[in-house]
Amino acid sequence: MSKFVSRFVSDESGATAIEYGLIVALIAVVIITAVTTLGTKLNTAFTTINSKLP
């Protein structure tokens, strides 16, 4: 039983998977924020151009 407990405490594969998951989630949030900001700026630019056309 003590071998099982010591092996369970020293096993870090689950922690590594969680860390990778958090990194992927953070990258996704950054990409979503960047795309949203870019989309808003493009929409503003096209609206300005459209209003200046005859």
Foldseek 3Di string as FASTA:
>chain_A
DVVVVVCVVPDCPVVVVVVVVVVVVVVVVVVVVVVVVVVVVVVVVVVVVVVPDD
